[in-house]
């Protein structure tokens, strides 16, 4: 996904930008389904609705609230140019995608342990 996000900011060909945007959107959609499934696996039956609601609340607050602000801040304070929005999006993606991947990978062990523990509930 990272190469597609960076290329979007520097492509001059509209079709290439659309292909990169579609590819990045397609690849980023995988985590949503997996996250929803994992929440259902590791949460007790009585709390699944609340856990899912908190997940969507946090995702929407961070993604839709802070995301555009980060891009605008990079545009204002790094590039100082209203015409450099494409570069701001590419730079934000180049920085934030590896951070997000590191955070997700660091939690895999805990997710595995939680799934094993949740399986013991049904036994």
C-alpha atoms as a PDB file:
ATOM      1  CA  UNK A   1       0.000   0.000   0.000  1.00  0.00           C
ATOM      2  CA  UNK A   2       2.844   2.405   0.815  1.00  0.00           C
ATOM      3  CA  UNK A   3       4.198   2.682  -2.743  1.00  0.00           C
ATOM      4  CA  UNK A   4       0.736   3.456  -4.112  1.00  0.00           C
ATOM      5  CA  UNK A   5       0.147   6.246  -1.577  1.00  0.00           C
ATOM      6  CA  UNK A   6       3.498   7.867  -2.315  1.00  0.00           C
ATOM      7  CA  UNK A   7       3.082   7.601  -6.081  1.00  0.00           C
ATOM      8  CA  UNK A   8      -0.337   9.296  -5.877  1.00  0.00           C
ATOM      9  CA  UNK A   9       1.402  12.467  -4.716  1.00  0.00           C
ATOM     10  CA  UNK A  10       3.841  12.624  -7.599  1.00  0.00           C
ATOM     11  CA  UNK A  11       2.047  11.238 -10.621  1.00  0.00           C
ATOM     12  CA  UNK A  12       1.240  13.591 -13.475  1.00  0.00           C
ATOM     13  CA  UNK A  13      -0.974  11.097 -15.334  1.00  0.00           C
ATOM     14  CA  UNK A  14      -4.571  11.101 -14.034  1.00  0.00           C
ATOM     15  CA  UNK A  15      -5.161   7.429 -14.911  1.00  0.00           C
ATOM     16  CA  UNK A  16      -2.048   6.397 -12.970  1.00  0.00           C
ATOM     17  CA  UNK A  17      -3.298   8.374  -9.976  1.00  0.00           C
ATOM     18  CA  UNK A  18      -6.698   6.679 -10.151  1.00  0.00           C
ATOM     19  CA  UNK A  19      -5.080   3.231 -10.398  1.00  0.00           C
ATOM     20  CA  UNK A  20      -2.832   3.984  -7.402  1.00  0.00           C
ATOM     21  CA  UNK A  21      -5.740   5.364  -5.375  1.00  0.00           C
ATOM     22  CA  UNK A  22      -7.877   2.319  -6.168  1.00  0.00           C
ATOM     23  CA  UNK A  23      -5.007  -0.021  -5.256  1.00  0.00           C
ATOM     24  CA  UNK A  24      -4.288   1.752  -1.976  1.00  0.00           C
ATOM     25  CA  UNK A  25      -7.976   1.789  -1.055  1.00  0.00           C
ATOM     26  CA  UNK A  26      -8.329  -1.907  -1.920  1.00  0.00           C
ATOM     27  CA  UNK A  27      -5.307  -2.905   0.173  1.00  0.00           C
ATOM     28  CA  UNK A  28      -6.298  -0.725   3.132  1.00  0.00           C
ATOM     29  CA  UNK A  29      -9.757  -2.306   3.265  1.00  0.00           C
ATOM     30  CA  UNK A  30      -8.371  -5.673   4.414  1.00  0.00           C
ATOM     31  CA  UNK A  31      -7.562  -4.490   7.919  1.00  0.00           C
ATOM     32  CA  UNK A  32     -11.154  -3.428   8.579  1.00  0.00           C
ATOM     33  CA  UNK A  33     -12.600  -6.874   8.087  1.00  0.00           C
ATOM     34  CA  UNK A  34      -9.864  -8.570  10.047  1.00  0.00           C
ATOM     35  CA  UNK A  35     -10.171  -6.100  12.917  1.00  0.00           C
ATOM     36  CA  UNK A  36     -13.925  -6.576  13.153  1.00  0.00           C
ATOM     37  CA  UNK A  37     -13.514 -10.338  13.203  1.00  0.00           C
ATOM     38  CA  UNK A  38     -10.802 -10.246  15.841  1.00  0.00           C
ATOM     39  CA  UNK A  39     -12.930  -8.008  18.054  1.00  0.00           C
ATOM     40  CA  UNK A  40     -15.721 -10.559  17.836  1.00  0.00           C
ATOM     41  CA  UNK A  41     -13.317 -13.410  18.643  1.00  0.00           C
ATOM     42  CA  UNK A  42     -11.655 -11.898  21.702  1.00  0.00           C
ATOM     43  CA  UNK A  43     -14.632 -10.147  23.294  1.00  0.00           C
ATOM     44  CA  UNK A  44     -17.130 -11.934  25.551  1.00  0.00           C
ATOM     45  CA  UNK A  45     -20.656 -12.203  24.108  1.00  0.00           C
ATOM     46  CA  UNK A  46     -22.091  -9.654  26.532  1.00  0.00           C
ATOM     47  CA  UNK A  47     -19.610  -6.948  25.501  1.00  0.00           C
ATOM     48  CA  UNK A  48     -19.298  -7.381  21.721  1.00  0.00           C
ATOM     49  CA  UNK A  49     -21.560  -4.460  20.869  1.00  0.00           C
ATOM     50  CA  UNK A  50     -19.709  -2.062  23.156  1.00  0.00           C
ATOM     51  CA  UNK A  51     -16.296  -3.242  21.929  1.00  0.00           C
ATOM     52  CA  UNK A  52     -17.317  -2.820  18.293  1.00  0.00           C
ATOM     53  CA  UNK A  53     -18.749   0.629  19.013  1.00  0.00           C
ATOM     54  CA  UNK A  54     -15.518   1.723  20.713  1.00  0.00           C
ATOM     55  CA  UNK A  55     -13.486   0.400  17.791  1.00  0.00           C
ATOM     56  CA  UNK A  56     -15.524   2.404  15.282  1.00  0.00           C
ATOM     57  CA  UNK A  57     -15.532   5.496  17.510  1.00  0.00           C
ATOM     58  CA  UNK A  58     -11.747   5.451  17.859  1.00  0.00           C
ATOM     59  CA  UNK A  59     -11.208   4.672  14.172  1.00  0.00           C
ATOM     60  CA  UNK A  60     -13.495   7.458  13.028  1.00  0.00           C
ATOM     61  CA  UNK A  61     -12.125  10.018  15.474  1.00  0.00           C
ATOM     62  CA  UNK A  62      -8.542   9.269  14.517  1.00  0.00           C
ATOM     63  CA  UNK A  63      -9.052   8.654  10.825  1.00  0.00           C
ATOM     64  CA  UNK A  64     -11.516  11.385   9.999  1.00  0.00           C
ATOM     65  CA  UNK A  65     -10.569  13.841  12.707  1.00  0.00           C
ATOM     66  CA  UNK A  66      -6.823  13.776  12.971  1.00  0.00           C
ATOM     67  CA  UNK A  67      -5.974  12.500   9.462  1.00  0.00           C
ATOM     68  CA  UNK A  68      -6.936  15.616   7.521  1.00  0.00           C
ATOM     69  CA  UNK A  69      -5.412  17.802  10.207  1.00  0.00           C
ATOM     70  CA  UNK A  70      -2.064  16.014   9.869  1.00  0.00           C
ATOM     71  CA  UNK A  71      -2.049  16.496   6.095  1.00  0.00           C
ATOM     72  CA  UNK A  72      -3.013  20.170   6.447  1.00  0.00           C
ATOM     73  CA  UNK A  73      -0.327  20.714   9.102  1.00  0.00           C
ATOM     74  CA  UNK A  74       2.334  19.151   6.888  1.00  0.00           C
ATOM     75  CA  UNK A  75       1.153  21.345   4.039  1.00  0.00           C
ATOM     76  CA  UNK A  76       1.271  24.506   6.178  1.00  0.00           C
ATOM     77  CA  UNK A  77       4.394  23.929   8.263  1.00  0.00           C
ATOM     78  CA  UNK A  78       6.633  21.738   6.075  1.00  0.00           C
ATOM     79  CA  UNK A  79       5.934  22.837   2.511  1.00  0.00           C
ATOM     80  CA  UNK A  80       4.435  26.311   3.154  1.00  0.00           C
ATOM     81  CA  UNK A  81       2.627  26.045  -0.171  1.00  0.00           C
ATOM     82  CA  UNK A  82      -1.089  25.595  -0.845  1.00  0.00           C
ATOM     83  CA  UNK A  83      -0.194  23.889  -4.116  1.00  0.00           C
ATOM     84  CA  UNK A  84       1.817  21.156  -2.383  1.00  0.00           C
ATOM     85  CA  UNK A  85      -1.142  19.194  -1.062  1.00  0.00           C
ATOM     86  CA  UNK A  86      -0.138  16.204  -3.190  1.00  0.00           C
ATOM     87  CA  UNK A  87       3.294  16.154  -1.577  1.00  0.00           C
ATOM     88  CA  UNK A  88       1.747  16.515   1.880  1.00  0.00           C
ATOM     89  CA  UNK A  89      -0.462  13.478   1.319  1.00  0.00           C
ATOM     90  CA  UNK A  90       2.499  11.458   0.049  1.00  0.00           C
ATOM     91  CA  UNK A  91       4.704  12.487   2.998  1.00  0.00           C
ATOM     92  CA  UNK A  92       1.972  11.765   5.551  1.00  0.00           C
ATOM     93  CA  UNK A  93       1.471   8.320   4.025  1.00  0.00           C
ATOM     94  CA  UNK A  94       5.197   7.619   3.901  1.00  0.00           C
ATOM     95  CA  UNK A  95       5.512   8.426   7.607  1.00  0.00           C
ATOM     96  CA  UNK A  96       2.246   7.122   9.047  1.00  0.00           C
ATOM     97  CA  UNK A  97       1.835   3.820   7.168  1.00  0.00           C
ATOM     98  CA  UNK A  98       5.075   2.309   8.536  1.00  0.00           C
ATOM     99  CA  UNK A  99       4.153   3.534  12.041  1.00  0.00           C
ATOM    100  CA  UNK A 100       0.706   1.948  11.746  1.00  0.00           C
ATOM    101  CA  UNK A 101       2.197  -1.309  10.436  1.00  0.00           C
ATOM    102  CA  UNK A 102       4.645  -1.410  13.343  1.00  0.00           C
ATOM    103  CA  UNK A 103       1.857  -0.861  15.870  1.00  0.00           C
ATOM    104  CA  UNK A 104      -0.283  -3.572  14.281  1.00  0.00           C
ATOM    105  CA  UNK A 105       2.592  -6.065  14.138  1.00  0.00           C
ATOM    106  CA  UNK A 106       3.550  -5.362  17.753  1.00  0.00           C
ATOM    107  CA  UNK A 107       0.064  -6.377  18.879  1.00  0.00           C
ATOM    108  CA  UNK A 108      -0.041  -9.740  17.074  1.00  0.00           C
ATOM    109  CA  UNK A 109       1.250 -11.734  20.036  1.00  0.00           C
ATOM    110  CA  UNK A 110      -1.406 -10.256  22.324  1.00  0.00           C
ATOM    111  CA  UNK A 111      -4.127 -10.976  19.769  1.00  0.00           C
ATOM    112  CA  UNK A 112      -2.995 -14.601  19.457  1.00  0.00           C
ATOM    113  CA  UNK A 113      -3.047 -14.987  23.233  1.00  0.00           C
ATOM    114  CA  UNK A 114      -6.508 -13.397  23.461  1.00  0.00           C
ATOM    115  CA  UNK A 115      -7.884 -15.706  20.777  1.00  0.00           C
ATOM    116  CA  UNK A 116      -6.502 -18.760  22.577  1.00  0.00           C
ATOM    117  CA  UNK A 117      -8.007 -17.533  25.844  1.00  0.00           C
ATOM    118  CA  UNK A 118     -11.356 -16.860  24.153  1.00  0.00           C
ATOM    119  CA  UNK A 119     -11.410 -20.402  22.741  1.00  0.00           C
ATOM    120  CA  UNK A 120     -11.110 -21.706  26.289  1.00  0.00           C
ATOM    121  CA  UNK A 121     -14.345 -19.880  27.211  1.00  0.00           C
ATOM    122  CA  UNK A 122     -16.342 -22.070  24.844  1.00  0.00           C
ATOM    123  CA  UNK A 123     -14.822 -25.326  26.032  1.00  0.00           C
END
